[in-house]
Amino acid sequence: MCRNIKTLFNFDPPATEDEIQAASLQFVRKLSGFNKPSKANEEAFQLAVEEVAAAARKLLDSLVTQAEPRNREVEIERARIRSAKRFGAGEK
């Protein structure tokens, strides 16, 4: 489940609110063990997602680096190559 959380720091353009929200949702799902919480836990679950997203945004906004920003397309291609090496090329 957490393999879906991607690095969000030092990209050009910066991470979007949707990307931060998606990573926060995955994190809370992993911690809680719920893919979708029950009605009784829904409010606490959503609050946790919001708080994690706020903390993630604060972290990303405060980090500094001297490194050049990464290119999303290059990183996607690198991940595809790593995946192909790890799992083999998919047959279609």
PDB file of N, CA and C in Angstrom:
ATOM      1  N   MET A   1       0.819  -1.191   0.000  1.00  0.00           N
ATOM      2  CA  MET A   1       0.000   0.000   0.000  1.00  0.00           C
ATOM      3  C   MET A   1       0.865   1.258   0.000  1.00  0.00           C
ATOM      4  N   CYS A   2       1.906   1.337   0.827  1.00  0.00           N
ATOM      5  CA  CYS A   2       2.726   2.539   0.902  1.00  0.00           C
ATOM      6  C   CYS A   2       3.643   2.706  -0.303  1.00  0.00           C
ATOM      7  N   ARG A   3       3.770   1.688  -1.119  1.00  0.00           N
ATOM      8  CA  ARG A   3       4.568   1.852  -2.328  1.00  0.00           C
ATOM      9  C   ARG A   3       3.961   2.892  -3.242  1.00  0.00           C
ATOM     10  N   ASN A   4       2.686   3.193  -3.043  1.00  0.00           N
ATOM     11  CA  ASN A   4       2.018   4.200  -3.859  1.00  0.00           C
ATOM     12  C   ASN A   4       2.365   5.619  -3.441  1.00  0.00           C
ATOM     13  N   ILE A   5       2.975   5.795  -2.279  1.00  0.00           N
ATOM     14  CA  ILE A   5       3.366   7.120  -1.842  1.00  0.00           C
ATOM     15  C   ILE A   5       4.682   7.458  -2.533  1.00  0.00           C
ATOM     16  N   LYS A   6       4.649   8.550  -3.279  1.00  0.00           N
ATOM     17  CA  LYS A   6       5.806   8.938  -4.066  1.00  0.00           C
ATOM     18  C   LYS A   6       6.495  10.134  -3.438  1.00  0.00           C
ATOM     19  N   THR A   7       7.788  10.272  -3.717  1.00  0.00           N
ATOM     20  CA  THR A   7       8.530  11.432  -3.268  1.00  0.00           C
ATOM     21  C   THR A   7       7.907  12.680  -3.886  1.00  0.00           C
ATOM     22  N   LEU A   8       7.682  13.691  -3.068  1.00  0.00           N
ATOM     23  CA  LEU A   8       7.030  14.905  -3.541  1.00  0.00           C
ATOM     24  C   LEU A   8       7.937  16.127  -3.487  1.00  0.00           C
ATOM     25  N   PHE A   9       9.106  15.996  -2.883  1.00  0.00           N
ATOM     26  CA  PHE A   9       9.996  17.139  -2.706  1.00  0.00           C
ATOM     27  C   PHE A   9      10.924  17.334  -3.900  1.00  0.00           C
ATOM     28  N   ASN A  10      11.178  18.586  -4.202  1.00  0.00           N
ATOM     29  CA  ASN A  10      12.161  19.023  -5.191  1.00  0.00           C
ATOM     30  C   ASN A  10      11.799  18.631  -6.622  1.00  0.00           C
ATOM     31  N   PHE A  11      10.562  18.891  -6.978  1.00  0.00           N
ATOM     32  CA  PHE A  11      10.122  18.699  -8.356  1.00  0.00           C
ATOM     33  C   PHE A  11       9.753  20.049  -8.948  1.00  0.00           C
ATOM     34  N   ASP A  12       9.898  20.148 -10.234  1.00  0.00           N
ATOM     35  CA  ASP A  12       9.465  21.339 -10.948  1.00  0.00           C
ATOM     36  C   ASP A  12       8.470  20.897 -12.004  1.00  0.00           C
ATOM     37  N   PRO A  13       7.208  21.238 -11.901  1.00  0.00           N
ATOM     38  CA  PRO A  13       6.586  22.092 -10.888  1.00  0.00           C
ATOM     39  C   PRO A  13       6.444  21.358  -9.548  1.00  0.00           C
ATOM     40  N   PRO A  14       6.270  22.133  -8.468  1.00  0.00           N
ATOM     41  CA  PRO A  14       6.142  21.526  -7.139  1.00  0.00           C
ATOM     42  C   PRO A  14       4.931  20.601  -7.033  1.00  0.00           C
ATOM     43  N   ALA A  15       4.930  19.801  -5.990  1.00  0.00           N
ATOM     44  CA  ALA A  15       3.820  18.881  -5.736  1.00  0.00           C
ATOM     45  C   ALA A  15       2.510  19.653  -5.640  1.00  0.00           C
ATOM     46  N   THR A  16       1.469  19.066  -6.181  1.00  0.00           N
ATOM     47  CA  THR A  16       0.145  19.687  -6.128  1.00  0.00           C
ATOM     48  C   THR A  16      -0.570  19.276  -4.846  1.00  0.00           C
ATOM     49  N   GLU A  17      -1.628  19.999  -4.524  1.00  0.00           N
ATOM     50  CA  GLU A  17      -2.436  19.639  -3.366  1.00  0.00           C
ATOM     51  C   GLU A  17      -3.042  18.244  -3.538  1.00  0.00           C
ATOM     52  N   ASP A  18      -3.408  17.893  -4.778  1.00  0.00           N
ATOM     53  CA  ASP A  18      -3.957  16.553  -5.039  1.00  0.00           C
ATOM     54  C   ASP A  18      -2.932  15.467  -4.749  1.00  0.00           C
ATOM     55  N   GLU A  19      -1.675  15.687  -5.116  1.00  0.00           N
ATOM     56  CA  GLU A  19      -0.625  14.701  -4.841  1.00  0.00           C
ATOM     57  C   GLU A  19      -0.388  14.558  -3.343  1.00  0.00           C
ATOM     58  N   ILE A  20      -0.384  15.671  -2.645  1.00  0.00           N
ATOM     59  CA  ILE A  20      -0.198  15.635  -1.187  1.00  0.00           C
ATOM     60  C   ILE A  20      -1.380  14.937  -0.528  1.00  0.00           C
ATOM     61  N   GLN A  21      -2.577  15.232  -0.985  1.00  0.00           N
ATOM     62  CA  GLN A  21      -3.787  14.594  -0.442  1.00  0.00           C
ATOM     63  C   GLN A  21      -3.758  13.088  -0.668  1.00  0.00           C
ATOM     64  N   ALA A  22      -3.360  12.665  -1.870  1.00  0.00           N
ATOM     65  CA  ALA A  22      -3.312  11.235  -2.192  1.00  0.00           C
ATOM     66  C   ALA A  22      -2.287  10.519  -1.317  1.00  0.00           C
ATOM     67  N   ALA A  23      -1.121  11.123  -1.123  1.00  0.00           N
ATOM     68  CA  ALA A  23      -0.096  10.519  -0.271  1.00  0.00           C
ATOM     69  C   ALA A  23      -0.577  10.443   1.178  1.00  0.00           C
ATOM     70  N   SER A  24      -1.260  11.484   1.627  1.00  0.00           N
ATOM     71  CA  SER A  24      -1.790  11.508   2.996  1.00  0.00           C
ATOM     72  C   SER A  24      -2.847  10.429   3.197  1.00  0.00           C
ATOM     73  N   LEU A  25      -3.709  10.264   2.214  1.00  0.00           N
ATOM     74  CA  LEU A  25      -4.734   9.227   2.282  1.00  0.00           C
ATOM     75  C   LEU A  25      -4.093   7.841   2.371  1.00  0.00           C
ATOM     76  N   GLN A  26      -3.084   7.578   1.550  1.00  0.00           N
ATOM     77  CA  GLN A  26      -2.407   6.281   1.580  1.00  0.00           C
ATOM     78  C   GLN A  26      -1.745   6.042   2.938  1.00  0.00           C
ATOM     79  N   PHE A  27      -1.132   7.097   3.493  1.00  0.00           N
ATOM     80  CA  PHE A  27      -0.470   6.983   4.786  1.00  0.00           C
ATOM     81  C   PHE A  27      -1.473   6.632   5.888  1.00  0.00           C
ATOM     82  N   VAL A  28      -2.602   7.328   5.911  1.00  0.00           N
ATOM     83  CA  VAL A  28      -3.624   7.065   6.932  1.00  0.00           C
ATOM     84  C   VAL A  28      -4.242   5.682   6.732  1.00  0.00           C
ATOM     85  N   ARG A  29      -4.442   5.279   5.481  1.00  0.00           N
ATOM     86  CA  ARG A  29      -4.936   3.922   5.216  1.00  0.00           C
ATOM     87  C   ARG A  29      -3.978   2.881   5.783  1.00  0.00           C
ATOM     88  N   LYS A  30      -2.687   3.097   5.577  1.00  0.00           N
ATOM     89  CA  LYS A  30      -1.693   2.145   6.064  1.00  0.00           C
ATOM     90  C   LYS A  30      -1.704   2.088   7.590  1.00  0.00           C
ATOM     91  N   LEU A  31      -1.723   3.261   8.229  1.00  0.00           N
ATOM     92  CA  LEU A  31      -1.703   3.295   9.690  1.00  0.00           C
ATOM     93  C   LEU A  31      -2.950   2.671  10.297  1.00  0.00           C
ATOM     94  N   SER A  32      -4.110   2.966   9.708  1.00  0.00           N
ATOM     95  CA  SER A  32      -5.367   2.511  10.296  1.00  0.00           C
ATOM     96  C   SER A  32      -5.721   1.084   9.901  1.00  0.00           C
ATOM     97  N   GLY A  33      -5.223   0.644   8.759  1.00  0.00           N
ATOM     98  CA  GLY A  33      -5.605  -0.670   8.265  1.00  0.00           C
ATOM     99  C   GLY A  33      -6.927  -0.658   7.525  1.00  0.00           C
ATOM    100  N   PHE A  34      -7.495   0.527   7.341  1.00  0.00           N
ATOM    101  CA  PHE A  34      -8.773   0.672   6.642  1.00  0.00           C
ATOM    102  C   PHE A  34      -8.544   1.209   5.242  1.00  0.00           C
ATOM    103  N   ASN A  35      -9.130   0.560   4.252  1.00  0.00           N
ATOM    104  CA  ASN A  35      -9.161   1.148   2.922  1.00  0.00           C
ATOM    105  C   ASN A  35     -10.268   2.193   2.880  1.00  0.00           C
ATOM    106  N   LYS A  36     -11.392   1.826   3.495  1.00  0.00           N
ATOM    107  CA  LYS A  36     -12.515   2.741   3.663  1.00  0.00           C
ATOM    108  C   LYS A  36     -13.037   2.526   5.082  1.00  0.00           C
ATOM    109  N   PRO A  37     -13.031   3.577   5.904  1.00  0.00           N
ATOM    110  CA  PRO A  37     -13.447   3.391   7.297  1.00  0.00           C
ATOM    111  C   PRO A  37     -14.956   3.194   7.424  1.00  0.00           C
ATOM    112  N   SER A  38     -15.348   2.615   8.544  1.00  0.00           N
ATOM    113  CA  SER A  38     -16.772   2.478   8.850  1.00  0.00           C
ATOM    114  C   SER A  38     -17.340   3.864   9.154  1.00  0.00           C
ATOM    115  N   LYS A  39     -18.655   3.955   9.186  1.00  0.00           N
ATOM    116  CA  LYS A  39     -19.310   5.231   9.528  1.00  0.00           C
ATOM    117  C   LYS A  39     -18.837   5.735  10.884  1.00  0.00           C
ATOM    118  N   ALA A  40     -18.633   4.813  11.822  1.00  0.00           N
ATOM    119  CA  ALA A  40     -18.210   5.194  13.170  1.00  0.00           C
ATOM    120  C   ALA A  40     -16.811   5.803  13.176  1.00  0.00           C
ATOM    121  N   ASN A  41     -15.966   5.411  12.222  1.00  0.00           N
ATOM    122  CA  ASN A  41     -14.586   5.894  12.176  1.00  0.00           C
ATOM    123  C   ASN A  41     -14.325   6.917  11.080  1.00  0.00           C
ATOM    124  N   GLU A  42     -15.325   7.206  10.287  1.00  0.00           N
ATOM    125  CA  GLU A  42     -15.130   8.071   9.122  1.00  0.00           C
ATOM    126  C   GLU A  42     -14.631   9.474   9.494  1.00  0.00           C
ATOM    127  N   GLU A  43     -15.217  10.077  10.509  1.00  0.00           N
ATOM    128  CA  GLU A  43     -14.819  11.430  10.903  1.00  0.00           C
ATOM    129  C   GLU A  43     -13.363  11.465  11.365  1.00  0.00           C
ATOM    130  N   ALA A  44     -12.977  10.521  12.202  1.00  0.00           N
ATOM    131  CA  ALA A  44     -11.597  10.465  12.695  1.00  0.00           C
ATOM    132  C   ALA A  44     -10.624  10.207  11.545  1.00  0.00           C
ATOM    133  N   PHE A  45     -11.011   9.341  10.623  1.00  0.00           N
ATOM    134  CA  PHE A  45     -10.186   9.006   9.464  1.00  0.00           C
ATOM    135  C   PHE A  45      -9.956  10.250   8.596  1.00  0.00           C
ATOM    136  N   GLN A  46     -11.042  10.964   8.276  1.00  0.00           N
ATOM    137  CA  GLN A  46     -10.925  12.163   7.434  1.00  0.00           C
ATOM    138  C   GLN A  46     -10.123  13.261   8.117  1.00  0.00           C
ATOM    139  N   LEU A  47     -10.303  13.419   9.406  1.00  0.00           N
ATOM    140  CA  LEU A  47      -9.531  14.405  10.158  1.00  0.00           C
ATOM    141  C   LEU A  47      -8.040  14.069  10.105  1.00  0.00           C
ATOM    142  N   ALA A  48      -7.727  12.787  10.247  1.00  0.00           N
ATOM    143  CA  ALA A  48      -6.328  12.359  10.176  1.00  0.00           C
ATOM    144  C   ALA A  48      -5.734  12.655   8.798  1.00  0.00           C
ATOM    145  N   VAL A  49      -6.485  12.392   7.741  1.00  0.00           N
ATOM    146  CA  VAL A  49      -6.006  12.678   6.386  1.00  0.00           C
ATOM    147  C   VAL A  49      -5.723  14.170   6.243  1.00  0.00           C
ATOM    148  N   GLU A  50      -6.628  15.016   6.713  1.00  0.00           N
ATOM    149  CA  GLU A  50      -6.445  16.465   6.632  1.00  0.00           C
ATOM    150  C   GLU A  50      -5.218  16.919   7.418  1.00  0.00           C
ATOM    151  N   GLU A  51      -5.029  16.365   8.618  1.00  0.00           N
ATOM    152  CA  GLU A  51      -3.898  16.766   9.450  1.00  0.00           C
ATOM    153  C   GLU A  51      -2.570  16.291   8.857  1.00  0.00           C
ATOM    154  N   VAL A  52      -2.550  15.090   8.302  1.00  0.00           N
ATOM    155  CA  VAL A  52      -1.333  14.591   7.654  1.00  0.00           C
ATOM    156  C   VAL A  52      -1.018  15.434   6.422  1.00  0.00           C
ATOM    157  N   ALA A  53      -2.028  15.792   5.654  1.00  0.00           N
ATOM    158  CA  ALA A  53      -1.816  16.630   4.467  1.00  0.00           C
ATOM    159  C   ALA A  53      -1.259  17.989   4.865  1.00  0.00           C
ATOM    160  N   ALA A  54      -1.774  18.568   5.928  1.00  0.00           N
ATOM    161  CA  ALA A  54      -1.273  19.863   6.396  1.00  0.00           C
ATOM    162  C   ALA A  54       0.180  19.748   6.853  1.00  0.00           C
ATOM    163  N   ALA A  55       0.489  18.689   7.570  1.00  0.00           N
ATOM    164  CA  ALA A  55       1.866  18.478   8.022  1.00  0.00           C
ATOM    165  C   ALA A  55       2.794  18.243   6.831  1.00  0.00           C
ATOM    166  N   ALA A  56       2.325  17.503   5.837  1.00  0.00           N
ATOM    167  CA  ALA A  56       3.131  17.241   4.642  1.00  0.00           C
ATOM    168  C   ALA A  56       3.397  18.537   3.879  1.00  0.00           C
ATOM    169  N   ARG A  57       2.368  19.367   3.724  1.00  0.00           N
ATOM    170  CA  ARG A  57       2.534  20.657   3.034  1.00  0.00           C
ATOM    171  C   ARG A  57       3.539  21.525   3.783  1.00  0.00           C
ATOM    172  N   LYS A  58       3.418  21.578   5.112  1.00  0.00           N
ATOM    173  CA  LYS A  58       4.340  22.371   5.934  1.00  0.00           C
ATOM    174  C   LYS A  58       5.771  21.866   5.760  1.00  0.00           C
ATOM    175  N   LEU A  59       5.942  20.554   5.767  1.00  0.00           N
ATOM    176  CA  LEU A  59       7.269  19.965   5.571  1.00  0.00           C
ATOM    177  C   LEU A  59       7.826  20.327   4.205  1.00  0.00           C
ATOM    178  N   LEU A  60       7.061  20.103   3.155  1.00  0.00           N
ATOM    179  CA  LEU A  60       7.534  20.386   1.797  1.00  0.00           C
ATOM    180  C   LEU A  60       7.881  21.857   1.614  1.00  0.00           C
ATOM    181  N   ASP A  61       7.101  22.734   2.220  1.00  0.00           N
ATOM    182  CA  ASP A  61       7.358  24.172   2.108  1.00  0.00           C
ATOM    183  C   ASP A  61       8.597  24.610   2.875  1.00  0.00           C
ATOM    184  N   SER A  62       8.996  23.849   3.886  1.00  0.00           N
ATOM    185  CA  SER A  62      10.132  24.258   4.710  1.00  0.00           C
ATOM    186  C   SER A  62      11.456  23.606   4.309  1.00  0.00           C
ATOM    187  N   LEU A  63      11.418  22.556   3.505  1.00  0.00           N
ATOM    188  CA  LEU A  63      12.649  21.888   3.090  1.00  0.00           C
ATOM    189  C   LEU A  63      13.428  22.744   2.092  1.00  0.00           C
ATOM    190  N   VAL A  64      14.759  22.664   2.174  1.00  0.00           N
ATOM    191  CA  VAL A  64      15.619  23.378   1.239  1.00  0.00           C
ATOM    192  C   VAL A  64      16.639  22.407   0.657  1.00  0.00           C
ATOM    193  N   THR A  65      17.095  22.720  -0.540  1.00  0.00           N
ATOM    194  CA  THR A  65      18.113  21.896  -1.181  1.00  0.00           C
ATOM    195  C   THR A  65      18.895  22.744  -2.171  1.00  0.00           C
ATOM    196  N   GLN A  66      20.110  22.330  -2.435  1.00  0.00           N
ATOM    197  CA  GLN A  66      20.926  22.967  -3.458  1.00  0.00           C
ATOM    198  C   GLN A  66      20.832  22.197  -4.777  1.00  0.00           C
ATOM    199  N   ALA A  67      20.196  21.040  -4.733  1.00  0.00           N
ATOM    200  CA  ALA A  67      20.080  20.191  -5.921  1.00  0.00           C
ATOM    201  C   ALA A  67      19.104  20.807  -6.920  1.00  0.00           C
ATOM    202  N   GLU A  68      19.345  20.519  -8.171  1.00  0.00           N
ATOM    203  CA  GLU A  68      18.432  20.953  -9.221  1.00  0.00           C
ATOM    204  C   GLU A  68      17.097  20.226  -9.052  1.00  0.00           C
ATOM    205  N   PRO A  69      15.987  20.892  -9.356  1.00  0.00           N
ATOM    206  CA  PRO A  69      14.687  20.216  -9.280  1.00  0.00           C
ATOM    207  C   PRO A  69      14.648  19.026 -10.233  1.00  0.00           C
ATOM    208  N   ARG A  70      13.949  17.986  -9.799  1.00  0.00           N
ATOM    209  CA  ARG A  70      13.818  16.787 -10.616  1.00  0.00           C
ATOM    210  C   ARG A  70      12.714  16.961 -11.645  1.00  0.00           C
ATOM    211  N   ASN A  71      12.864  16.240 -12.726  1.00  0.00           N
ATOM    212  CA  ASN A  71      11.889  16.261 -13.809  1.00  0.00           C
ATOM    213  C   ASN A  71      10.962  15.063 -13.637  1.00  0.00           C
ATOM    214  N   ARG A  72       9.677  15.297 -13.608  1.00  0.00           N
ATOM    215  CA  ARG A  72       8.700  14.225 -13.367  1.00  0.00           C
ATOM    216  C   ARG A  72       8.767  13.131 -14.434  1.00  0.00           C
ATOM    217  N   GLU A  73       8.888  13.530 -15.682  1.00  0.00           N
ATOM    218  CA  GLU A  73       8.920  12.541 -16.761  1.00  0.00           C
ATOM    219  C   GLU A  73      10.156  11.642 -16.653  1.00  0.00           C
ATOM    220  N   VAL A  74      11.296  12.232 -16.322  1.00  0.00           N
ATOM    221  CA  VAL A  74      12.527  11.445 -16.166  1.00  0.00           C
ATOM    222  C   VAL A  74      12.370  10.464 -15.001  1.00  0.00           C
ATOM    223  N   GLU A  75      11.801  10.924 -13.901  1.00  0.00           N
ATOM    224  CA  GLU A  75      11.616  10.056 -12.730  1.00  0.00           C
ATOM    225  C   GLU A  75      10.620   8.935 -13.017  1.00  0.00           C
ATOM    226  N   ILE A  76       9.581   9.220 -13.787  1.00  0.00           N
ATOM    227  CA  ILE A  76       8.610   8.192 -14.165  1.00  0.00           C
ATOM    228  C   ILE A  76       9.290   7.125 -15.017  1.00  0.00           C
ATOM    229  N   GLU A  77      10.123   7.552 -15.945  1.00  0.00           N
ATOM    230  CA  GLU A  77      10.836   6.597 -16.807  1.00  0.00           C
ATOM    231  C   GLU A  77      11.812   5.744 -15.991  1.00  0.00           C
ATOM    232  N   ARG A  78      12.514   6.360 -15.058  1.00  0.00           N
ATOM    233  CA  ARG A  78      13.428   5.604 -14.185  1.00  0.00           C
ATOM    234  C   ARG A  78      12.661   4.559 -13.377  1.00  0.00           C
ATOM    235  N   ALA A  79      11.507   4.943 -12.854  1.00  0.00           N
ATOM    236  CA  ALA A  79      10.691   4.001 -12.082  1.00  0.00           C
ATOM    237  C   ALA A  79      10.198   2.864 -12.964  1.00  0.00           C
ATOM    238  N   ARG A  80       9.828   3.170 -14.198  1.00  0.00           N
ATOM    239  CA  ARG A  80       9.375   2.132 -15.134  1.00  0.00           C
ATOM    240  C   ARG A  80      10.502   1.137 -15.412  1.00  0.00           C
ATOM    241  N   ILE A  81      11.716   1.636 -15.604  1.00  0.00           N
ATOM    242  CA  ILE A  81      12.867   0.768 -15.856  1.00  0.00           C
ATOM    243  C   ILE A  81      13.158  -0.105 -14.632  1.00  0.00           C
ATOM    244  N   ARG A  82      13.127   0.495 -13.430  1.00  0.00           N
ATOM    245  CA  ARG A  82      13.349  -0.288 -12.203  1.00  0.00           C
ATOM    246  C   ARG A  82      12.302  -1.377 -12.062  1.00  0.00           C
ATOM    247  N   SER A  83      11.059  -1.033 -12.358  1.00  0.00           N
ATOM    248  CA  SER A  83       9.976  -2.005 -12.255  1.00  0.00           C
ATOM    249  C   SER A  83      10.165  -3.141 -13.254  1.00  0.00           C
ATOM    250  N   ALA A  84      10.553  -2.808 -14.472  1.00  0.00           N
ATOM    251  CA  ALA A  84      10.772  -3.837 -15.495  1.00  0.00           C
ATOM    252  C   ALA A  84      11.901  -4.771 -15.080  1.00  0.00           C
ATOM    253  N   LYS A  85      12.956  -4.227 -14.494  1.00  0.00           N
ATOM    254  CA  LYS A  85      14.073  -5.058 -14.022  1.00  0.00           C
ATOM    255  C   LYS A  85      13.625  -5.958 -12.874  1.00  0.00           C
ATOM    256  N   ARG A  86      12.808  -5.402 -11.984  1.00  0.00           N
ATOM    257  CA  ARG A  86      12.380  -6.152 -10.804  1.00  0.00           C
ATOM    258  C   ARG A  86      11.358  -7.216 -11.145  1.00  0.00           C
ATOM    259  N   PHE A  87      10.374  -6.860 -11.956  1.00  0.00           N
ATOM    260  CA  PHE A  87       9.272  -7.776 -12.227  1.00  0.00           C
ATOM    261  C   PHE A  87       9.275  -8.360 -13.622  1.00  0.00           C
ATOM    262  N   GLY A  88      10.192  -7.936 -14.458  1.00  0.00           N
ATOM    263  CA  GLY A  88      10.234  -8.403 -15.829  1.00  0.00           C
ATOM    264  C   GLY A  88       9.295  -7.600 -16.694  1.00  0.00           C
ATOM    265  N   ALA A  89       9.581  -7.574 -17.972  1.00  0.00           N
ATOM    266  CA  ALA A  89       8.728  -6.826 -18.891  1.00  0.00           C
ATOM    267  C   ALA A  89       7.378  -7.520 -18.988  1.00  0.00           C
ATOM    268  N   GLY A  90       6.328  -6.737 -18.877  1.00  0.00           N
ATOM    269  CA  GLY A  90       4.976  -7.300 -18.954  1.00  0.00           C
ATOM    270  C   GLY A  90       4.628  -7.709 -20.380  1.00  0.00           C
ATOM    271  N   GLU A  91       3.990  -8.868 -20.515  1.00  0.00           N
ATOM    272  CA  GLU A  91       3.553  -9.315 -21.833  1.00  0.00           C
ATOM    273  C   GLU A  91       2.159  -8.804 -22.103  1.00  0.00           C
ATOM    274  N   LYS A  92       1.935  -8.420 -23.334  1.00  0.00           N
ATOM    275  CA  LYS A  92       0.618  -7.866 -23.681  1.00  0.00           C
ATOM    276  C   LYS A  92      -0.090  -8.734 -24.659  1.00  0.00           C
TER     277      LYS A  92
END
